Protein backbone atom coordinates (compact mmCIF):
# COMPACT_ATOMS: atom_id res chain seq x y z
CA MET A 1 -24.69 -106.04 103.76
CA PRO A 2 -28.28 -107.23 103.34
CA ILE A 3 -30.70 -106.04 100.68
CA TYR A 4 -34.00 -104.74 102.06
CA GLU A 5 -37.26 -104.30 100.18
CA PHE A 6 -39.42 -101.23 100.78
CA GLU A 7 -42.89 -100.13 99.65
CA CYS A 8 -44.56 -96.73 99.62
CA SER A 9 -48.03 -96.77 101.19
CA GLY A 10 -49.00 -93.70 99.18
CA CYS A 11 -48.23 -94.70 95.58
CA GLY A 12 -47.42 -98.43 95.95
CA HIS A 13 -43.89 -98.06 94.52
CA ARG A 14 -41.57 -100.92 95.56
CA PHE A 15 -37.78 -100.63 95.67
CA ASP A 16 -34.74 -102.42 97.07
CA ARG A 17 -31.89 -100.91 99.02
CA LEU A 18 -28.50 -102.32 100.00
CA GLN A 19 -27.74 -101.01 103.49
CA LYS A 20 -26.07 -101.88 106.77
CA LEU A 21 -28.12 -103.17 109.70
CA SER A 22 -27.33 -99.96 111.57
CA ASP A 23 -28.40 -97.64 108.70
CA PRO A 24 -31.82 -95.99 109.09
CA ASP A 25 -34.58 -97.04 106.70
CA PRO A 26 -35.52 -94.52 104.01
CA SER A 27 -38.44 -92.34 105.06
CA VAL A 28 -39.30 -90.69 101.72
CA CYS A 29 -40.44 -92.52 98.56
CA PRO A 30 -38.07 -91.92 95.62
CA ALA A 31 -41.02 -92.00 93.17
CA CYS A 32 -43.54 -89.63 94.78
CA ASP A 33 -41.55 -87.87 97.58
CA VAL A 34 -44.14 -88.83 100.22
CA ALA A 35 -42.99 -89.95 103.68
CA GLU A 36 -44.95 -93.24 103.78
CA VAL A 37 -42.24 -95.86 103.19
CA LYS A 38 -42.41 -99.18 105.08
CA ARG A 39 -40.03 -102.14 105.06
CA ARG A 40 -41.48 -105.28 103.47
CA VAL A 41 -40.90 -108.77 104.77
CA SER A 42 -39.45 -110.89 101.98
CA ALA A 43 -37.77 -114.26 101.59
CA PRO A 44 -34.01 -114.55 101.27
CA SER A 45 -32.62 -115.30 97.83
CA PHE A 46 -30.75 -118.45 98.88
CA ARG A 47 -31.52 -121.69 100.67
CA LEU A 48 -29.20 -124.06 102.51
CA ALA A 49 -30.31 -127.57 101.61
CA GLY A 50 -28.83 -130.98 101.09
CA GLY A 51 -26.50 -133.26 102.98
CA GLY A 52 -23.27 -131.37 102.48
CA TRP A 53 -23.34 -128.82 105.32
CA TYR A 54 -20.92 -129.54 108.12
CA GLU A 55 -20.40 -127.80 111.45
CA THR A 56 -16.64 -127.71 110.99
CA ASP A 57 -16.43 -126.59 107.35
CA PHE A 58 -14.43 -123.53 108.34
CA LYS A 59 -12.42 -124.98 111.22
CA LYS A 60 -8.88 -126.37 111.22
CA ASP A 61 -8.13 -129.59 109.34
CA GLY A 62 -7.47 -131.49 112.59
CA ASP A 63 -11.07 -131.06 113.81
CA LYS A 64 -13.57 -133.80 113.04
CA LYS A 65 -16.35 -132.86 110.63
CA ARG A 66 -19.90 -133.60 111.73
CA ASN A 67 -22.81 -133.63 109.27
CA LEU A 68 -25.46 -131.08 110.30
CA ALA A 69 -28.01 -132.28 107.75
CA GLY A 70 -28.49 -135.61 109.55
CA ASP A 71 -27.11 -139.12 109.35
CA SER A 72 -26.36 -139.94 105.73
CA GLU A 73 -26.86 -143.68 106.38
CA ALA A 74 -30.39 -143.07 107.69
CA ALA A 75 -31.29 -141.17 104.52
CA LYS A 76 -30.45 -144.13 102.24
CA PRO A 77 -33.29 -146.54 101.37
CA SER A 78 -33.02 -149.90 103.15
CA THR A 79 -33.99 -152.01 100.12
CA PRO A 80 -32.80 -151.34 96.57
CA ALA A 81 -35.41 -150.45 93.95
CA PRO A 82 -36.15 -153.20 91.38
CA SER A 83 -34.21 -152.81 88.16
CA THR A 84 -36.13 -152.34 84.91
CA THR A 85 -33.17 -152.35 82.50
CA GLY A 86 -33.71 -154.98 79.83
CA THR A 87 -33.69 -158.11 82.03
CA SER A 88 -36.52 -160.44 81.06
CA SER A 89 -37.29 -164.00 82.11
CA ASP A 90 -39.66 -164.63 79.16
CA THR A 91 -36.89 -165.46 76.61
């Protein structure tokens, strides 16, 4: 069940509510008992990022996994970065 954020237009009170998609939104503010409550648009509290998300993560073991984040070989740099760890030609 998703968590929705609401705000009262009358007093400005903000509150969250855990409810089903099919449940009606609250119409009365719990702080001031005025019927001016509106749902706020807010960001989700998680983000799917990185190269570890596969289309077949929840399929049978016999299915081939395919990387949804892109080709991992294309993400690697083509030339290695120069090393700066204690190697000197001045000695």
